[in-house]
Amino acid sequence: MKTRIAVFVATLLAFAAAHAEDPKANHEPEFGGQCAMSASLGIKRPTSCAVVWISPQDKLYCFSNEQAKAAFMRDPEANERKAQAFFKDPDLYERLKKQQPQG
């Protein structure tokens, strides 16, 4: 009996530790897991959600790779706004895209 309890407790602790370190455990990814940087550029690109960022608004964003995340993080507020608009308000996305500096 003690062995079963010990195994159960060890399993429970391992499960809790794995989920405490995994930001995806408590968040549903925005855009169904599409790459947030691609969305900010007006492109749908599926990801495995291996590269993620949790915004100050507690939203989970997935990226196709570390470079896409780094590009997104150069201006996370603007990129988040454009990505949200791309999926939820195409007219707003077009206005935000026109405001983007050229070059």
Protein backbone atom coordinates (compact mmCIF):
# COMPACT_ATOMS: atom_id res chain seq x y z
CA MET A 1 0.00 0.00 0.00
CA LYS A 2 2.79 2.44 0.91
CA THR A 3 4.48 1.73 -2.41
CA ARG A 4 1.32 2.57 -4.34
CA ILE A 5 0.91 5.83 -2.43
CA ALA A 6 4.56 6.73 -3.02
CA VAL A 7 4.22 6.03 -6.75
CA PHE A 8 0.99 8.03 -6.91
CA VAL A 9 2.55 11.00 -5.09
CA ALA A 10 5.67 10.87 -7.28
CA THR A 11 3.52 10.77 -10.42
CA LEU A 12 1.42 13.67 -9.20
CA LEU A 13 4.50 15.75 -8.39
CA ALA A 14 6.05 15.02 -11.80
CA PHE A 15 2.79 16.00 -13.52
CA ALA A 16 2.55 19.24 -11.52
CA ALA A 17 6.19 20.13 -12.22
CA ALA A 18 5.79 19.50 -15.96
CA HIS A 19 2.72 21.72 -16.19
CA ALA A 20 4.16 24.46 -13.98
CA GLU A 21 7.05 24.89 -16.43
CA ASP A 22 4.92 24.69 -19.58
CA PRO A 23 3.19 28.01 -20.36
CA LYS A 24 0.89 26.22 -22.81
CA ALA A 25 -0.61 24.11 -20.01
CA ASN A 26 -2.84 26.96 -18.78
CA HIS A 27 -3.35 28.94 -21.99
CA GLU A 28 -5.21 28.45 -25.24
CA PRO A 29 -3.02 29.80 -28.06
CA GLU A 30 -4.23 32.88 -29.90
CA PHE A 31 -5.13 32.41 -33.57
CA GLY A 32 -5.43 28.64 -33.17
CA GLY A 33 -1.66 28.33 -32.89
CA GLN A 34 -0.82 30.26 -36.06
CA CYS A 35 2.48 32.19 -36.04
CA ALA A 36 1.85 35.60 -34.44
CA MET A 37 4.62 37.32 -36.43
CA SER A 38 3.23 35.96 -39.69
CA ALA A 39 -0.24 37.14 -38.66
CA SER A 40 1.12 40.63 -38.03
CA LEU A 41 2.35 40.54 -41.66
CA GLY A 42 -1.02 39.32 -42.95
CA ILE A 43 -0.03 35.68 -43.45
CA LYS A 44 -1.47 32.51 -41.90
CA ARG A 45 1.30 30.09 -40.91
CA PRO A 46 0.61 27.05 -38.69
CA THR A 47 3.07 26.26 -35.92
CA SER A 48 3.75 23.49 -33.43
CA CYS A 49 3.72 26.13 -30.66
CA ALA A 50 7.23 25.10 -29.64
CA VAL A 51 8.24 28.79 -29.51
CA VAL A 52 5.85 30.91 -27.46
CA TRP A 53 5.39 34.23 -25.67
CA ILE A 54 2.78 35.18 -23.07
CA SER A 55 1.73 38.80 -23.41
CA PRO A 56 1.16 41.14 -20.45
CA GLN A 57 -2.55 40.56 -21.16
CA ASP A 58 -1.92 36.85 -20.42
CA LYS A 59 -2.39 35.72 -24.04
CA LEU A 60 -0.28 32.91 -25.46
CA TYR A 61 1.26 33.62 -28.87
CA CYS A 62 3.01 30.92 -30.92
CA PHE A 63 5.81 31.48 -33.41
CA SER A 64 7.17 29.42 -36.29
CA ASN A 65 10.74 29.84 -34.97
CA GLU A 66 12.96 31.93 -32.67
CA GLN A 67 13.66 34.46 -35.43
CA ALA A 68 9.94 35.14 -35.87
CA LYS A 69 9.60 35.65 -32.11
CA ALA A 70 12.61 37.99 -32.05
CA ALA A 71 11.13 40.05 -34.90
CA PHE A 72 7.77 40.21 -33.10
CA MET A 73 9.45 41.31 -29.86
CA ARG A 74 11.10 44.33 -31.55
CA ASP A 75 7.68 46.01 -31.28
CA PRO A 76 5.34 43.61 -29.48
CA GLU A 77 2.50 46.10 -28.94
CA ALA A 78 2.23 47.06 -32.61
CA ASN A 79 2.74 43.49 -33.83
CA GLU A 80 0.14 42.18 -31.38
CA ARG A 81 -2.32 44.84 -32.55
CA LYS A 82 -1.75 43.96 -36.22
CA ALA A 83 -1.97 40.21 -35.61
CA GLN A 84 -5.20 40.58 -33.63
CA ALA A 85 -6.63 42.82 -36.36
CA PHE A 86 -5.60 40.37 -39.10
CA PHE A 87 -7.70 37.62 -37.55
CA LYS A 88 -10.55 39.65 -36.08
CA ASP A 89 -10.95 42.89 -38.05
CA PRO A 90 -9.57 42.90 -41.61
CA ASP A 91 -10.48 46.58 -42.14
CA LEU A 92 -8.48 47.61 -39.06
CA TYR A 93 -5.60 45.42 -40.25
CA GLU A 94 -5.50 47.25 -43.59
CA ARG A 95 -5.47 50.64 -41.80
CA LEU A 96 -2.66 49.53 -39.45
CA LYS A 97 -0.65 48.15 -42.38
CA LYS A 98 -0.88 51.50 -44.18
CA GLN A 99 0.43 53.28 -41.06
CA GLN A 100 3.54 51.08 -41.04
CA PRO A 101 6.68 53.06 -41.99
CA GLN A 102 8.15 52.04 -45.33
CA GLY A 103 11.74 50.84 -45.62
